[in-house]
Amino acid sequence: MHRMTSPQARRMRRPVLQAAIDAGAKCVQADPDFFFRADGEPPATWQAQRAEAIGFCHGCPVRAACEELALRDGDGNDRVDDMVRGGRSGYELVALRELQAQRLAAAITADEASDQEWIKLTTLA
């Protein structure tokens, strides 16, 4: 499968990003819990698991699409280190979202507009 780049992912609308993830993500066959910190999990255990999950994501051909959706969805928390998505920790997602706030706001607005267009088209059909 062709590896998607971040610039390509940034130009795509939400349904296209999700379809790319559904069709080509390595994690589809993985245990979803692998990417999240369990309640009460010791920090050292989570740090090792997080590093392994990040490494797993970096080999994924649609990592950029996953990261882009995570940013648009507001995933991550600046107070709790508890997840990996798109090859980024929750902390990293928060930092990227802050750096790219204007671009993400425009992308989210465009997603919402395209969703409304789709609703109108399906209503007409």
PDB file of N, CA and C in Angstrom:
ATOM      1  N   MET A   1       0.843  -1.185   0.000  1.00  0.00           N
ATOM      2  CA  MET A   1       0.000   0.000   0.000  1.00  0.00           C
ATOM      3  C   MET A   1       0.886   1.245   0.000  1.00  0.00           C
ATOM      4  N   HIS A   2       0.439   2.248  -0.712  1.00  0.00           N
ATOM      5  CA  HIS A   2       1.123   3.534  -0.776  1.00  0.00           C
ATOM      6  C   HIS A   2       1.097   4.207   0.595  1.00  0.00           C
ATOM      7  N   ARG A   3       2.234   4.726   1.022  1.00  0.00           N
ATOM      8  CA  ARG A   3       2.326   5.411   2.312  1.00  0.00           C
ATOM      9  C   ARG A   3       1.808   6.844   2.175  1.00  0.00           C
ATOM     10  N   MET A   4       0.839   7.191   2.991  1.00  0.00           N
ATOM     11  CA  MET A   4       0.266   8.527   2.981  1.00  0.00           C
ATOM     12  C   MET A   4       1.179   9.483   3.742  1.00  0.00           C
ATOM     13  N   THR A   5       1.348  10.689   3.218  1.00  0.00           N
ATOM     14  CA  THR A   5       2.159  11.703   3.881  1.00  0.00           C
ATOM     15  C   THR A   5       1.264  12.659   4.665  1.00  0.00           C
ATOM     16  N   SER A   6       1.858  13.396   5.594  1.00  0.00           N
ATOM     17  CA  SER A   6       1.093  14.390   6.359  1.00  0.00           C
ATOM     18  C   SER A   6       0.470  15.455   5.473  1.00  0.00           C
ATOM     19  N   PRO A   7       1.201  16.020   4.479  1.00  0.00           N
ATOM     20  CA  PRO A   7       0.557  17.005   3.610  1.00  0.00           C
ATOM     21  C   PRO A   7      -0.648  16.431   2.854  1.00  0.00           C
ATOM     22  N   GLN A   8      -0.572  15.170   2.443  1.00  0.00           N
ATOM     23  CA  GLN A   8      -1.718  14.548   1.776  1.00  0.00           C
ATOM     24  C   GLN A   8      -2.894  14.431   2.743  1.00  0.00           C
ATOM     25  N   ALA A   9      -2.629  13.970   3.943  1.00  0.00           N
ATOM     26  CA  ALA A   9      -3.689  13.787   4.933  1.00  0.00           C
ATOM     27  C   ALA A   9      -4.353  15.114   5.283  1.00  0.00           C
ATOM     28  N   ARG A  10      -3.577  16.172   5.367  1.00  0.00           N
ATOM     29  CA  ARG A  10      -4.136  17.484   5.739  1.00  0.00           C
ATOM     30  C   ARG A  10      -5.127  18.009   4.711  1.00  0.00           C
ATOM     31  N   ARG A  11      -4.995  17.578   3.454  1.00  0.00           N
ATOM     32  CA  ARG A  11      -5.892  18.050   2.391  1.00  0.00           C
ATOM     33  C   ARG A  11      -7.177  17.227   2.301  1.00  0.00           C
ATOM     34  N   MET A  12      -7.241  16.125   2.999  1.00  0.00           N
ATOM     35  CA  MET A  12      -8.391  15.226   2.889  1.00  0.00           C
ATOM     36  C   MET A  12      -9.483  15.586   3.883  1.00  0.00           C
ATOM     37  N   ARG A  13     -10.700  15.251   3.508  1.00  0.00           N
ATOM     38  CA  ARG A  13     -11.841  15.426   4.400  1.00  0.00           C
ATOM     39  C   ARG A  13     -11.951  14.199   5.294  1.00  0.00           C
ATOM     40  N   ARG A  14     -12.642  14.354   6.377  1.00  0.00           N
ATOM     41  CA  ARG A  14     -12.793  13.323   7.404  1.00  0.00           C
ATOM     42  C   ARG A  14     -13.221  11.958   6.844  1.00  0.00           C
ATOM     43  N   PRO A  15     -14.248  11.853   5.993  1.00  0.00           N
ATOM     44  CA  PRO A  15     -14.647  10.521   5.516  1.00  0.00           C
ATOM     45  C   PRO A  15     -13.550   9.814   4.711  1.00  0.00           C
ATOM     46  N   VAL A  16     -12.770  10.572   3.973  1.00  0.00           N
ATOM     47  CA  VAL A  16     -11.679   9.978   3.192  1.00  0.00           C
ATOM     48  C   VAL A  16     -10.569   9.499   4.121  1.00  0.00           C
ATOM     49  N   LEU A  17     -10.261  10.290   5.135  1.00  0.00           N
ATOM     50  CA  LEU A  17      -9.260   9.877   6.119  1.00  0.00           C
ATOM     51  C   LEU A  17      -9.699   8.595   6.821  1.00  0.00           C
ATOM     52  N   GLN A  18     -10.957   8.560   7.247  1.00  0.00           N
ATOM     53  CA  GLN A  18     -11.457   7.380   7.954  1.00  0.00           C
ATOM     54  C   GLN A  18     -11.451   6.159   7.044  1.00  0.00           C
ATOM     55  N   ALA A  19     -11.826   6.334   5.780  1.00  0.00           N
ATOM     56  CA  ALA A  19     -11.821   5.209   4.836  1.00  0.00           C
ATOM     57  C   ALA A  19     -10.401   4.678   4.624  1.00  0.00           C
ATOM     58  N   ALA A  20      -9.428   5.575   4.554  1.00  0.00           N
ATOM     59  CA  ALA A  20      -8.037   5.143   4.397  1.00  0.00           C
ATOM     60  C   ALA A  20      -7.584   4.340   5.610  1.00  0.00           C
ATOM     61  N   ILE A  21      -7.960   4.789   6.783  1.00  0.00           N
ATOM     62  CA  ILE A  21      -7.610   4.077   8.014  1.00  0.00           C
ATOM     63  C   ILE A  21      -8.279   2.708   8.035  1.00  0.00           C
ATOM     64  N   ASP A  22      -9.557   2.673   7.733  1.00  0.00           N
ATOM     65  CA  ASP A  22     -10.294   1.410   7.741  1.00  0.00           C
ATOM     66  C   ASP A  22      -9.706   0.401   6.758  1.00  0.00           C
ATOM     67  N   ALA A  23      -9.223   0.893   5.621  1.00  0.00           N
ATOM     68  CA  ALA A  23      -8.716   0.011   4.568  1.00  0.00           C
ATOM     69  C   ALA A  23      -7.262  -0.411   4.772  1.00  0.00           C
ATOM     70  N   GLY A  24      -6.468   0.418   5.460  1.00  0.00           N
ATOM     71  CA  GLY A  24      -5.041   0.121   5.467  1.00  0.00           C
ATOM     72  C   GLY A  24      -4.294   0.197   6.775  1.00  0.00           C
ATOM     73  N   ALA A  25      -4.977   0.426   7.891  1.00  0.00           N
ATOM     74  CA  ALA A  25      -4.268   0.566   9.169  1.00  0.00           C
ATOM     75  C   ALA A  25      -3.761  -0.779   9.680  1.00  0.00           C
ATOM     76  N   LYS A  26      -2.511  -0.783  10.130  1.00  0.00           N
ATOM     77  CA  LYS A  26      -1.926  -1.984  10.722  1.00  0.00           C
ATOM     78  C   LYS A  26      -2.652  -2.394  11.997  1.00  0.00           C
ATOM     79  N   CYS A  27      -3.171  -1.440  12.730  1.00  0.00           N
ATOM     80  CA  CYS A  27      -3.754  -1.719  14.042  1.00  0.00           C
ATOM     81  C   CYS A  27      -5.124  -2.382  13.970  1.00  0.00           C
ATOM     82  N   VAL A  28      -5.687  -2.517  12.775  1.00  0.00           N
ATOM     83  CA  VAL A  28      -6.999  -3.147  12.659  1.00  0.00           C
ATOM     84  C   VAL A  28      -6.986  -4.537  13.295  1.00  0.00           C
ATOM     85  N   GLN A  29      -5.874  -5.239  13.176  1.00  0.00           N
ATOM     86  CA  GLN A  29      -5.763  -6.590  13.727  1.00  0.00           C
ATOM     87  C   GLN A  29      -5.182  -6.606  15.152  1.00  0.00           C
ATOM     88  N   ALA A  30      -4.788  -5.449  15.659  1.00  0.00           N
ATOM     89  CA  ALA A  30      -4.159  -5.377  16.988  1.00  0.00           C
ATOM     90  C   ALA A  30      -5.219  -5.212  18.082  1.00  0.00           C
ATOM     91  N   ASP A  31      -4.830  -5.516  19.289  1.00  0.00           N
ATOM     92  CA  ASP A  31      -5.685  -5.305  20.454  1.00  0.00           C
ATOM     93  C   ASP A  31      -5.773  -3.795  20.706  1.00  0.00           C
ATOM     94  N   PRO A  32      -6.969  -3.222  20.685  1.00  0.00           N
ATOM     95  CA  PRO A  32      -7.090  -1.765  20.899  1.00  0.00           C
ATOM     96  C   PRO A  32      -6.508  -1.302  22.235  1.00  0.00           C
ATOM     97  N   ASP A  33      -6.526  -2.168  23.237  1.00  0.00           N
ATOM     98  CA  ASP A  33      -5.996  -1.796  24.554  1.00  0.00           C
ATOM     99  C   ASP A  33      -4.495  -1.537  24.520  1.00  0.00           C
ATOM    100  N   PHE A  34      -3.825  -2.051  23.502  1.00  0.00           N
ATOM    101  CA  PHE A  34      -2.384  -1.850  23.345  1.00  0.00           C
ATOM    102  C   PHE A  34      -2.038  -0.363  23.265  1.00  0.00           C
ATOM    103  N   PHE A  35      -2.955   0.467  22.791  1.00  0.00           N
ATOM    104  CA  PHE A  35      -2.706   1.883  22.546  1.00  0.00           C
ATOM    105  C   PHE A  35      -3.182   2.790  23.680  1.00  0.00           C
ATOM    106  N   PHE A  36      -3.664   2.179  24.767  1.00  0.00           N
ATOM    107  CA  PHE A  36      -4.181   2.960  25.893  1.00  0.00           C
ATOM    108  C   PHE A  36      -3.611   2.431  27.201  1.00  0.00           C
ATOM    109  N   ARG A  37      -3.357   3.349  28.108  1.00  0.00           N
ATOM    110  CA  ARG A  37      -2.847   2.995  29.428  1.00  0.00           C
ATOM    111  C   ARG A  37      -3.990   2.447  30.274  1.00  0.00           C
ATOM    112  N   ALA A  38      -3.766   1.315  30.892  1.00  0.00           N
ATOM    113  CA  ALA A  38      -4.773   0.707  31.760  1.00  0.00           C
ATOM    114  C   ALA A  38      -4.846   1.477  33.079  1.00  0.00           C
ATOM    115  N   ASP A  39      -6.015   1.465  33.692  1.00  0.00           N
ATOM    116  CA  ASP A  39      -6.174   2.090  35.007  1.00  0.00           C
ATOM    117  C   ASP A  39      -5.197   1.457  35.986  1.00  0.00           C
ATOM    118  N   GLY A  40      -4.466   2.288  36.685  1.00  0.00           N
ATOM    119  CA  GLY A  40      -3.533   1.813  37.692  1.00  0.00           C
ATOM    120  C   GLY A  40      -2.239   1.229  37.155  1.00  0.00           C
ATOM    121  N   GLU A  41      -2.039   1.303  35.834  1.00  0.00           N
ATOM    122  CA  GLU A  41      -0.812   0.749  35.255  1.00  0.00           C
ATOM    123  C   GLU A  41       0.392   1.577  35.708  1.00  0.00           C
ATOM    124  N   PRO A  42       1.443   0.928  36.185  1.00  0.00           N
ATOM    125  CA  PRO A  42       2.622   1.667  36.644  1.00  0.00           C
ATOM    126  C   PRO A  42       3.241   2.487  35.501  1.00  0.00           C
ATOM    127  N   PRO A  43       3.765   3.680  35.811  1.00  0.00           N
ATOM    128  CA  PRO A  43       4.349   4.526  34.771  1.00  0.00           C
ATOM    129  C   PRO A  43       5.422   3.825  33.941  1.00  0.00           C
ATOM    130  N   ALA A  44       6.284   3.060  34.562  1.00  0.00           N
ATOM    131  CA  ALA A  44       7.367   2.395  33.815  1.00  0.00           C
ATOM    132  C   ALA A  44       6.804   1.385  32.817  1.00  0.00           C
ATOM    133  N   THR A  45       5.772   0.675  33.208  1.00  0.00           N
ATOM    134  CA  THR A  45       5.136  -0.296  32.310  1.00  0.00           C
ATOM    135  C   THR A  45       4.499   0.429  31.138  1.00  0.00           C
ATOM    136  N   TRP A  46       3.767   1.515  31.434  1.00  0.00           N
ATOM    137  CA  TRP A  46       3.127   2.286  30.370  1.00  0.00           C
ATOM    138  C   TRP A  46       4.163   2.915  29.435  1.00  0.00           C
ATOM    139  N   GLN A  47       5.253   3.432  29.965  1.00  0.00           N
ATOM    140  CA  GLN A  47       6.277   4.041  29.114  1.00  0.00           C
ATOM    141  C   GLN A  47       6.841   3.044  28.117  1.00  0.00           C
ATOM    142  N   ALA A  48       7.057   1.818  28.546  1.00  0.00           N
ATOM    143  CA  ALA A  48       7.562   0.778  27.641  1.00  0.00           C
ATOM    144  C   ALA A  48       6.499   0.416  26.597  1.00  0.00           C
ATOM    145  N   GLN A  49       5.266   0.284  27.042  1.00  0.00           N
ATOM    146  CA  GLN A  49       4.169  -0.049  26.115  1.00  0.00           C
ATOM    147  C   GLN A  49       3.936   1.090  25.129  1.00  0.00           C
ATOM    148  N   ARG A  50       3.980   2.335  25.631  1.00  0.00           N
ATOM    149  CA  ARG A  50       3.787   3.505  24.768  1.00  0.00           C
ATOM    150  C   ARG A  50       4.861   3.547  23.686  1.00  0.00           C
ATOM    151  N   ALA A  51       6.112   3.303  24.064  1.00  0.00           N
ATOM    152  CA  ALA A  51       7.203   3.307  23.082  1.00  0.00           C
ATOM    153  C   ALA A  51       6.991   2.217  22.035  1.00  0.00           C
ATOM    154  N   GLU A  52       6.536   1.061  22.467  1.00  0.00           N
ATOM    155  CA  GLU A  52       6.265  -0.031  21.525  1.00  0.00           C
ATOM    156  C   GLU A  52       5.099   0.332  20.595  1.00  0.00           C
ATOM    157  N   ALA A  53       4.053   0.935  21.147  1.00  0.00           N
ATOM    158  CA  ALA A  53       2.897   1.335  20.330  1.00  0.00           C
ATOM    159  C   ALA A  53       3.291   2.407  19.313  1.00  0.00           C
ATOM    160  N   ILE A  54       4.088   3.365  19.722  1.00  0.00           N
ATOM    161  CA  ILE A  54       4.550   4.414  18.804  1.00  0.00           C
ATOM    162  C   ILE A  54       5.361   3.792  17.678  1.00  0.00           C
ATOM    163  N   GLY A  55       6.244   2.866  18.020  1.00  0.00           N
ATOM    164  CA  GLY A  55       7.022   2.168  16.999  1.00  0.00           C
ATOM    165  C   GLY A  55       6.136   1.383  16.044  1.00  0.00           C
ATOM    166  N   PHE A  56       5.120   0.738  16.579  1.00  0.00           N
ATOM    167  CA  PHE A  56       4.160  -0.013  15.756  1.00  0.00           C
ATOM    168  C   PHE A  56       3.486   0.934  14.760  1.00  0.00           C
ATOM    169  N   CYS A  57       3.060   2.082  15.223  1.00  0.00           N
ATOM    170  CA  CYS A  57       2.382   3.065  14.366  1.00  0.00           C
ATOM    171  C   CYS A  57       3.301   3.588  13.259  1.00  0.00           C
ATOM    172  N   HIS A  58       4.560   3.773  13.564  1.00  0.00           N
ATOM    173  CA  HIS A  58       5.464   4.348  12.576  1.00  0.00           C
ATOM    174  C   HIS A  58       5.655   3.463  11.354  1.00  0.00           C
ATOM    175  N   GLY A  59       5.326   2.198  11.449  1.00  0.00           N
ATOM    176  CA  GLY A  59       5.394   1.324  10.291  1.00  0.00           C
ATOM    177  C   GLY A  59       4.092   1.261   9.510  1.00  0.00           C
ATOM    178  N   CYS A  60       3.107   2.023   9.917  1.00  0.00           N
ATOM    179  CA  CYS A  60       1.778   1.964   9.297  1.00  0.00           C
ATOM    180  C   CYS A  60       1.692   2.891   8.086  1.00  0.00           C
ATOM    181  N   PRO A  61       1.155   2.399   6.968  1.00  0.00           N
ATOM    182  CA  PRO A  61       1.071   3.234   5.767  1.00  0.00           C
ATOM    183  C   PRO A  61       0.073   4.387   5.881  1.00  0.00           C
ATOM    184  N   VAL A  62      -0.862   4.311   6.838  1.00  0.00           N
ATOM    185  CA  VAL A  62      -1.847   5.392   6.978  1.00  0.00           C
ATOM    186  C   VAL A  62      -1.697   6.123   8.315  1.00  0.00           C
ATOM    187  N   ARG A  63      -0.493   6.088   8.878  1.00  0.00           N
ATOM    188  CA  ARG A  63      -0.230   6.777  10.144  1.00  0.00           C
ATOM    189  C   ARG A  63      -0.603   8.253  10.067  1.00  0.00           C
ATOM    190  N   ALA A  64      -0.292   8.899   8.944  1.00  0.00           N
ATOM    191  CA  ALA A  64      -0.579  10.332   8.796  1.00  0.00           C
ATOM    192  C   ALA A  64      -2.082  10.604   8.850  1.00  0.00           C
ATOM    193  N   ALA A  65      -2.882   9.728   8.270  1.00  0.00           N
ATOM    194  CA  ALA A  65      -4.345   9.896   8.315  1.00  0.00           C
ATOM    195  C   ALA A  65      -4.852   9.752   9.742  1.00  0.00           C
ATOM    196  N   CYS A  66      -4.314   8.777  10.453  1.00  0.00           N
ATOM    197  CA  CYS A  66      -4.700   8.549  11.842  1.00  0.00           C
ATOM    198  C   CYS A  66      -4.326   9.750  12.721  1.00  0.00           C
ATOM    199  N   GLU A  67      -3.118  10.252  12.532  1.00  0.00           N
ATOM    200  CA  GLU A  67      -2.679  11.429  13.289  1.00  0.00           C
ATOM    201  C   GLU A  67      -3.580  12.624  12.995  1.00  0.00           C
ATOM    202  N   GLU A  68      -3.892  12.835  11.725  1.00  0.00           N
ATOM    203  CA  GLU A  68      -4.743  13.971  11.346  1.00  0.00           C
ATOM    204  C   GLU A  68      -6.120  13.869  11.988  1.00  0.00           C
ATOM    205  N   LEU A  69      -6.721  12.676  11.960  1.00  0.00           N
ATOM    206  CA  LEU A  69      -8.026  12.515  12.608  1.00  0.00           C
ATOM    207  C   LEU A  69      -7.920  12.708  14.117  1.00  0.00           C
ATOM    208  N   ALA A  70      -6.853  12.227  14.716  1.00  0.00           N
ATOM    209  CA  ALA A  70      -6.663  12.419  16.158  1.00  0.00           C
ATOM    210  C   ALA A  70      -6.596  13.908  16.495  1.00  0.00           C
ATOM    211  N   LEU A  71      -5.909  14.671  15.669  1.00  0.00           N
ATOM    212  CA  LEU A  71      -5.816  16.116  15.892  1.00  0.00           C
ATOM    213  C   LEU A  71      -7.179  16.779  15.725  1.00  0.00           C
ATOM    214  N   ARG A  72      -7.892  16.420  14.668  1.00  0.00           N
ATOM    215  CA  ARG A  72      -9.221  17.006  14.440  1.00  0.00           C
ATOM    216  C   ARG A  72     -10.214  16.600  15.516  1.00  0.00           C
ATOM    217  N   ASP A  73     -10.055  15.383  16.058  1.00  0.00           N
ATOM    218  CA  ASP A  73     -10.972  14.889  17.087  1.00  0.00           C
ATOM    219  C   ASP A  73     -10.644  15.423  18.481  1.00  0.00           C
ATOM    220  N   GLY A  74      -9.500  16.094  18.619  1.00  0.00           N
ATOM    221  CA  GLY A  74      -9.117  16.629  19.922  1.00  0.00           C
ATOM    222  C   GLY A  74      -8.571  15.578  20.874  1.00  0.00           C
ATOM    223  N   ASP A  75      -8.039  14.482  20.330  1.00  0.00           N
ATOM    224  CA  ASP A  75      -7.483  13.426  21.177  1.00  0.00           C
ATOM    225  C   ASP A  75      -6.236  13.909  21.901  1.00  0.00           C
ATOM    226  N   GLY A  76      -5.988  13.297  23.049  1.00  0.00           N
ATOM    227  CA  GLY A  76      -4.828  13.651  23.856  1.00  0.00           C
ATOM    228  C   GLY A  76      -5.231  14.527  25.020  1.00  0.00           C
ATOM    229  N   ASN A  77      -4.345  14.575  25.997  1.00  0.00           N
ATOM    230  CA  ASN A  77      -4.604  15.325  27.212  1.00  0.00           C
ATOM    231  C   ASN A  77      -3.268  15.837  27.716  1.00  0.00           C
ATOM    232  N   ASP A  78      -3.212  17.102  28.056  1.00  0.00           N
ATOM    233  CA  ASP A  78      -1.938  17.660  28.519  1.00  0.00           C
ATOM    234  C   ASP A  78      -1.656  17.344  29.993  1.00  0.00           C
ATOM    235  N   ARG A  79      -2.604  16.713  30.680  1.00  0.00           N
ATOM    236  CA  ARG A  79      -2.411  16.387  32.097  1.00  0.00           C
ATOM    237  C   ARG A  79      -2.219  14.889  32.348  1.00  0.00           C
ATOM    238  N   VAL A  80      -2.644  14.050  31.380  1.00  0.00           N
ATOM    239  CA  VAL A  80      -2.610  12.605  31.582  1.00  0.00           C
ATOM    240  C   VAL A  80      -1.985  11.929  30.365  1.00  0.00           C
ATOM    241  N   ASP A  81      -0.942  11.149  30.599  1.00  0.00           N
ATOM    242  CA  ASP A  81      -0.276  10.387  29.543  1.00  0.00           C
ATOM    243  C   ASP A  81      -0.948   9.025  29.475  1.00  0.00           C
ATOM    244  N   ASP A  82      -1.929   8.861  28.583  1.00  0.00           N
ATOM    245  CA  ASP A  82      -2.711   7.631  28.620  1.00  0.00           C
ATOM    246  C   ASP A  82      -3.068   7.028  27.265  1.00  0.00           C
ATOM    247  N   MET A  83      -2.471   7.529  26.166  1.00  0.00           N
ATOM    248  CA  MET A  83      -2.853   7.003  24.866  1.00  0.00           C
ATOM    249  C   MET A  83      -1.783   7.227  23.817  1.00  0.00           C
ATOM    250  N   VAL A  84      -1.917   6.468  22.723  1.00  0.00           N
ATOM    251  CA  VAL A  84      -1.117   6.657  21.515  1.00  0.00           C
ATOM    252  C   VAL A  84      -2.093   6.607  20.348  1.00  0.00           C
ATOM    253  N   ARG A  85      -1.980   7.568  19.452  1.00  0.00           N
ATOM    254  CA  ARG A  85      -2.787   7.552  18.226  1.00  0.00           C
ATOM    255  C   ARG A  85      -1.967   8.200  17.123  1.00  0.00           C
ATOM    256  N   GLY A  86      -1.942   7.563  15.979  1.00  0.00           N
ATOM    257  CA  GLY A  86      -1.191   8.108  14.849  1.00  0.00           C
ATOM    258  C   GLY A  86       0.295   8.211  15.124  1.00  0.00           C
ATOM    259  N   GLY A  87       0.806   7.354  15.983  1.00  0.00           N
ATOM    260  CA  GLY A  87       2.231   7.386  16.295  1.00  0.00           C
ATOM    261  C   GLY A  87       2.634   8.509  17.224  1.00  0.00           C
ATOM    262  N   ARG A  88       1.668   9.105  17.893  1.00  0.00           N
ATOM    263  CA  ARG A  88       1.932  10.211  18.835  1.00  0.00           C
ATOM    264  C   ARG A  88       1.334   9.905  20.192  1.00  0.00           C
ATOM    265  N   SER A  89       2.012  10.344  21.228  1.00  0.00           N
ATOM    266  CA  SER A  89       1.440  10.245  22.572  1.00  0.00           C
ATOM    267  C   SER A  89       0.369  11.325  22.716  1.00  0.00           C
ATOM    268  N   GLY A  90      -0.439  11.184  23.740  1.00  0.00           N
ATOM    269  CA  GLY A  90      -1.458  12.200  23.993  1.00  0.00           C
ATOM    270  C   GLY A  90      -0.861  13.580  24.194  1.00  0.00           C
ATOM    271  N   TYR A  91       0.273  13.645  24.904  1.00  0.00           N
ATOM    272  CA  TYR A  91       0.957  14.918  25.109  1.00  0.00           C
ATOM    273  C   TYR A  91       1.380  15.537  23.774  1.00  0.00           C
ATOM    274  N   GLU A  92       1.933  14.694  22.902  1.00  0.00           N
ATOM    275  CA  GLU A  92       2.393  15.189  21.593  1.00  0.00           C
ATOM    276  C   GLU A  92       1.223  15.690  20.754  1.00  0.00           C
ATOM    277  N   LEU A  93       0.089  15.007  20.831  1.00  0.00           N
ATOM    278  CA  LEU A  93      -1.087  15.443  20.078  1.00  0.00           C
ATOM    279  C   LEU A  93      -1.561  16.826  20.546  1.00  0.00           C
ATOM    280  N   VAL A  94      -1.557  17.028  21.856  1.00  0.00           N
ATOM    281  CA  VAL A  94      -1.954  18.335  22.402  1.00  0.00           C
ATOM    282  C   VAL A  94      -1.016  19.431  21.888  1.00  0.00           C
ATOM    283  N   ALA A  95       0.284  19.174  21.942  1.00  0.00           N
ATOM    284  CA  ALA A  95       1.268  20.167  21.495  1.00  0.00           C
ATOM    285  C   ALA A  95       1.099  20.462  19.999  1.00  0.00           C
ATOM    286  N   LEU A  96       0.904  19.428  19.195  1.00  0.00           N
ATOM    287  CA  LEU A  96       0.698  19.642  17.751  1.00  0.00           C
ATOM    288  C   LEU A  96      -0.583  20.420  17.486  1.00  0.00           C
ATOM    289  N   ARG A  97      -1.635  20.078  18.215  1.00  0.00           N
ATOM    290  CA  ARG A  97      -2.912  20.778  18.027  1.00  0.00           C
ATOM    291  C   ARG A  97      -2.772  22.262  18.336  1.00  0.00           C
ATOM    292  N   GLU A  98      -2.006  22.594  19.343  1.00  0.00           N
ATOM    293  CA  GLU A  98      -1.777  24.002  19.676  1.00  0.00           C
ATOM    294  C   GLU A  98      -0.975  24.697  18.580  1.00  0.00           C
ATOM    295  N   LEU A  99       0.041  24.015  18.046  1.00  0.00           N
ATOM    296  CA  LEU A  99       0.857  24.598  16.977  1.00  0.00           C
ATOM    297  C   LEU A  99       0.074  24.785  15.679  1.00  0.00           C
ATOM    298  N   GLN A 100      -0.869  23.902  15.435  1.00  0.00           N
ATOM    299  CA  GLN A 100      -1.598  23.902  14.172  1.00  0.00           C
ATOM    300  C   GLN A 100      -3.056  24.329  14.341  1.00  0.00           C
ATOM    301  N   ALA A 101      -3.341  25.099  15.367  1.00  0.00           N
ATOM    302  CA  ALA A 101      -4.722  25.440  15.716  1.00  0.00           C
ATOM    303  C   ALA A 101      -5.492  26.078  14.551  1.00  0.00           C
ATOM    304  N   GLN A 102      -4.896  27.026  13.871  1.00  0.00           N
ATOM    305  CA  GLN A 102      -5.611  27.694  12.769  1.00  0.00           C
ATOM    306  C   GLN A 102      -5.893  26.728  11.631  1.00  0.00           C
ATOM    307  N   ARG A 103      -4.907  25.934  11.255  1.00  0.00           N
ATOM    308  CA  ARG A 103      -5.106  24.983  10.167  1.00  0.00           C
ATOM    309  C   ARG A 103      -6.170  23.952  10.533  1.00  0.00           C
ATOM    310  N   LEU A 104      -6.128  23.470  11.760  1.00  0.00           N
ATOM    311  CA  LEU A 104      -7.098  22.473  12.193  1.00  0.00           C
ATOM    312  C   LEU A 104      -8.507  23.051  12.260  1.00  0.00           C
ATOM    313  N   ALA A 105      -8.633  24.286  12.706  1.00  0.00           N
ATOM    314  CA  ALA A 105      -9.949  24.926  12.738  1.00  0.00           C
ATOM    315  C   ALA A 105     -10.537  25.010  11.333  1.00  0.00           C
ATOM    316  N   ALA A 106      -9.709  25.368  10.363  1.00  0.00           N
ATOM    317  CA  ALA A 106     -10.176  25.439   8.970  1.00  0.00           C
ATOM    318  C   ALA A 106     -10.554  24.054   8.453  1.00  0.00           C
ATOM    319  N   ALA A 107      -9.770  23.043   8.786  1.00  0.00           N
ATOM    320  CA  ALA A 107     -10.065  21.674   8.339  1.00  0.00           C
ATOM    321  C   ALA A 107     -11.364  21.170   8.957  1.00  0.00           C
ATOM    322  N   ILE A 108     -11.573  21.451  10.224  1.00  0.00           N
ATOM    323  CA  ILE A 108     -12.805  21.021  10.901  1.00  0.00           C
ATOM    324  C   ILE A 108     -14.011  21.728  10.293  1.00  0.00           C
ATOM    325  N   THR A 109     -13.875  23.004  10.009  1.00  0.00           N
ATOM    326  CA  THR A 109     -14.964  23.752   9.363  1.00  0.00           C
ATOM    327  C   THR A 109     -15.274  23.167   7.988  1.00  0.00           C
ATOM    328  N   ALA A 110     -14.247  22.849   7.223  1.00  0.00           N
ATOM    329  CA  ALA A 110     -14.445  22.248   5.897  1.00  0.00           C
ATOM    330  C   ALA A 110     -15.089  20.864   6.018  1.00  0.00           C
ATOM    331  N   ASP A 111     -14.689  20.076   7.026  1.00  0.00           N
ATOM    332  CA  ASP A 111     -15.315  18.777   7.257  1.00  0.00           C
ATOM    333  C   ASP A 111     -16.811  18.945   7.521  1.00  0.00           C
ATOM    334  N   GLU A 112     -17.138  19.904   8.377  1.00  0.00           N
ATOM    335  CA  GLU A 112     -18.537  20.128   8.718  1.00  0.00           C
ATOM    336  C   GLU A 112     -19.337  20.584   7.502  1.00  0.00           C
ATOM    337  N   ALA A 113     -18.741  21.442   6.682  1.00  0.00           N
ATOM    338  CA  ALA A 113     -19.417  21.904   5.466  1.00  0.00           C
ATOM    339  C   ALA A 113     -19.637  20.749   4.498  1.00  0.00           C
ATOM    340  N   SER A 114     -18.640  19.884   4.345  1.00  0.00           N
ATOM    341  CA  SER A 114     -18.802  18.760   3.420  1.00  0.00           C
ATOM    342  C   SER A 114     -19.824  17.769   3.971  1.00  0.00           C
ATOM    343  N   ASP A 115     -19.910  17.620   5.304  1.00  0.00           N
ATOM    344  CA  ASP A 115     -20.935  16.765   5.899  1.00  0.00           C
ATOM    345  C   ASP A 115     -22.329  17.307   5.579  1.00  0.00           C
ATOM    346  N   GLN A 116     -22.492  18.624   5.666  1.00  0.00           N
ATOM    347  CA  GLN A 116     -23.792  19.234   5.357  1.00  0.00           C
ATOM    348  C   GLN A 116     -24.147  19.040   3.887  1.00  0.00           C
ATOM    349  N   GLU A 117     -23.158  19.169   3.004  1.00  0.00           N
ATOM    350  CA  GLU A 117     -23.395  18.950   1.571  1.00  0.00           C
ATOM    351  C   GLU A 117     -23.829  17.511   1.326  1.00  0.00           C
ATOM    352  N   TRP A 118     -23.174  16.565   2.008  1.00  0.00           N
ATOM    353  CA  TRP A 118     -23.520  15.157   1.842  1.00  0.00           C
ATOM    354  C   TRP A 118     -24.945  14.895   2.319  1.00  0.00           C
ATOM    355  N   ILE A 119     -25.319  15.495   3.445  1.00  0.00           N
ATOM    356  CA  ILE A 119     -26.679  15.340   3.971  1.00  0.00           C
ATOM    357  C   ILE A 119     -27.698  15.866   2.958  1.00  0.00           C
ATOM    358  N   LYS A 120     -27.412  17.034   2.375  1.00  0.00           N
ATOM    359  CA  LYS A 120     -28.318  17.581   1.359  1.00  0.00           C
ATOM    360  C   LYS A 120     -28.432  16.672   0.138  1.00  0.00           C
ATOM    361  N   LEU A 121     -27.302  16.146  -0.317  1.00  0.00           N
ATOM    362  CA  LEU A 121     -27.326  15.266  -1.487  1.00  0.00           C
ATOM    363  C   LEU A 121     -28.105  13.987  -1.222  1.00  0.00           C
ATOM    364  N   THR A 122     -27.905  13.390  -0.049  1.00  0.00           N
ATOM    365  CA  THR A 122     -28.620  12.141   0.249  1.00  0.00           C
ATOM    366  C   THR A 122     -30.112  12.414   0.459  1.00  0.00           C
ATOM    367  N   THR A 123     -30.450  13.593   0.969  1.00  0.00           N
ATOM    368  CA  THR A 123     -31.855  13.955   1.134  1.00  0.00           C
ATOM    369  C   THR A 123     -32.525  14.114  -0.224  1.00  0.00           C
ATOM    370  N   LEU A 124     -31.814  14.741  -1.159  1.00  0.00           N
ATOM    371  CA  LEU A 124     -32.340  14.911  -2.522  1.00  0.00           C
ATOM    372  C   LEU A 124     -32.507  13.566  -3.229  1.00  0.00           C
ATOM    373  N   ALA A 125     -31.572  12.676  -3.000  1.00  0.00           N
ATOM    374  CA  ALA A 125     -31.627  11.367  -3.662  1.00  0.00           C
ATOM    375  C   ALA A 125     -32.747  10.559  -3.074  1.00  0.00           C
TER     376      ALA A 125
END
